[in-house]
Amino acid sequence: MINDNNYKEYLKGVQVVEISGESCANCLTLMPILYEIVSKRNDVELIHIEASETTVNIMKEYQIDRVPTILLLDNGVEFARAMGFQPEEILELWINAKIDEHLKK
C-alpha cells in the first residue's frame, strides 16, 4: 500500500497516477476505465493512491485538493493533470496525447 513513507520508491518511469477517495463514486467508476486505457500501452504504469490520513504528505506535495485527480508523472515529476471525472473517450485521447508529447521531448 502506497503511503507517505514509501511513495517515492513507487514513482519510477512514466506513470498514470489515480488519486481517489474511499467514498468517491466517480473515483470508483474511473479506476477500471484508467486500467483499460493504460493496459493498451507498454510504456506506462498505472498507480493508485488513496487519499487518507496516511497520504497527507503526498497530497500536499502534489497539491491535491479534490478527487479524483489524475497525474501524469515521469520519475515523480508531474507533466500533466486532470481533475474530476472525464468520459472514457476524452480521457484516453488526453492521456495518450500528453504521454506521447512528453516522450518526444
Protein backbone atom coordinates (compact mmCIF):
# COMPACT_ATOMS: atom_id res chain seq x y z
CA MET A 1 0.00 0.00 0.00
CA ILE A 2 1.39 3.38 -1.01
CA ASN A 3 1.71 5.88 1.83
CA ASP A 4 3.70 8.95 2.91
CA ASN A 5 6.65 6.82 3.99
CA ASN A 6 7.17 4.77 0.82
CA TYR A 7 5.59 6.54 -2.16
CA LYS A 8 8.85 7.77 -3.72
CA GLU A 9 10.05 4.21 -4.27
CA TYR A 10 6.97 3.57 -6.44
CA LEU A 11 7.36 6.64 -8.65
CA LYS A 12 9.66 5.38 -11.38
CA GLY A 13 9.25 5.86 -15.11
CA VAL A 14 6.19 7.29 -16.81
CA GLN A 15 3.05 6.71 -14.81
CA VAL A 16 -0.64 7.50 -14.71
CA VAL A 17 -1.39 8.12 -11.04
CA GLU A 18 -5.03 8.00 -9.98
CA ILE A 19 -5.72 9.66 -6.65
CA SER A 20 -9.10 8.82 -5.23
CA GLY A 21 -11.17 8.86 -2.08
CA GLU A 22 -12.78 5.89 -0.41
CA SER A 23 -16.35 7.19 -0.66
CA CYS A 24 -15.99 8.86 -4.07
CA ALA A 25 -18.36 7.31 -6.63
CA ASN A 26 -16.58 8.95 -9.57
CA CYS A 27 -13.28 7.53 -8.31
CA LEU A 28 -14.69 4.01 -8.24
CA THR A 29 -16.02 4.42 -11.77
CA LEU A 30 -12.77 5.89 -13.06
CA MET A 31 -10.31 3.20 -11.95
CA PRO A 32 -11.43 0.42 -14.35
CA ILE A 33 -11.51 2.95 -17.19
CA LEU A 34 -7.93 4.00 -16.45
CA TYR A 35 -6.85 0.37 -16.19
CA GLU A 36 -8.30 -0.30 -19.64
CA ILE A 37 -6.61 2.76 -21.18
CA VAL A 38 -3.21 2.13 -19.62
CA SER A 39 -3.26 -1.61 -20.39
CA LYS A 40 -3.16 -0.73 -24.12
CA ARG A 41 0.27 0.86 -23.65
CA ASN A 42 3.52 -0.89 -22.76
CA ASP A 43 5.41 2.28 -21.80
CA VAL A 44 3.24 3.45 -18.87
CA GLU A 45 2.32 2.12 -15.44
CA LEU A 46 -0.91 2.77 -13.54
CA ILE A 47 -0.60 3.67 -9.85
CA HIS A 48 -3.49 4.13 -7.42
CA ILE A 49 -3.17 6.33 -4.33
CA GLU A 50 -5.97 6.54 -1.81
CA ALA A 51 -6.42 9.98 -0.22
CA SER A 52 -6.31 9.30 3.52
CA GLU A 53 -4.54 10.19 6.73
CA THR A 54 -1.61 8.02 5.58
CA THR A 55 -1.10 10.00 2.36
CA VAL A 56 -1.33 13.60 3.62
CA ASN A 57 2.24 14.45 2.55
CA ILE A 58 1.63 13.09 -0.95
CA MET A 59 -1.50 15.25 -1.23
CA LYS A 60 0.49 18.31 -0.10
CA GLU A 61 3.45 17.64 -2.40
CA TYR A 62 1.26 17.31 -5.49
CA GLN A 63 -1.26 19.94 -4.29
CA ILE A 64 -4.26 17.61 -4.48
CA ASP A 65 -7.41 19.35 -3.32
CA ARG A 66 -10.08 17.13 -4.88
CA VAL A 67 -10.63 13.59 -6.03
CA PRO A 68 -10.45 12.05 -8.45
CA THR A 69 -7.24 13.60 -9.72
CA ILE A 70 -5.13 12.01 -12.42
CA LEU A 71 -1.45 12.89 -12.53
CA LEU A 72 0.90 12.02 -15.34
CA LEU A 73 4.36 11.67 -13.83
CA ASP A 74 7.84 10.90 -15.08
CA ASN A 75 10.03 9.67 -12.21
CA GLY A 76 7.76 11.51 -9.79
CA VAL A 77 7.76 14.80 -11.72
CA GLU A 78 4.33 15.92 -12.88
CA PHE A 79 3.90 16.80 -16.54
CA ALA A 80 0.09 16.82 -16.81
CA ARG A 81 -3.00 16.73 -14.57
CA ALA A 82 -6.75 16.20 -14.90
CA MET A 83 -9.26 16.65 -12.11
CA GLY A 84 -12.75 15.24 -11.79
CA PHE A 85 -14.45 12.53 -13.79
CA GLN A 86 -13.79 12.50 -17.53
CA PRO A 87 -15.60 10.45 -20.20
CA GLU A 88 -13.56 7.44 -21.33
CA GLU A 89 -13.03 8.59 -24.93
CA ILE A 90 -11.83 12.05 -23.89
CA LEU A 91 -9.66 10.68 -21.11
CA GLU A 92 -7.98 8.19 -23.45
CA LEU A 93 -7.26 10.89 -26.05
CA TRP A 94 -5.89 13.21 -23.35
CA ILE A 95 -3.67 10.59 -21.70
CA ASN A 96 -2.24 9.34 -24.99
CA ALA A 97 -1.63 12.84 -26.34
CA LYS A 98 0.08 14.07 -23.17
CA ILE A 99 2.27 10.98 -22.79
CA ASP A 100 3.25 10.90 -26.47
CA GLU A 101 4.07 14.62 -26.37
CA HIS A 102 6.14 14.16 -23.21
CA LEU A 103 8.08 11.19 -24.58
CA LYS A 104 9.03 13.11 -27.74
CA LYS A 105 10.92 15.71 -25.67
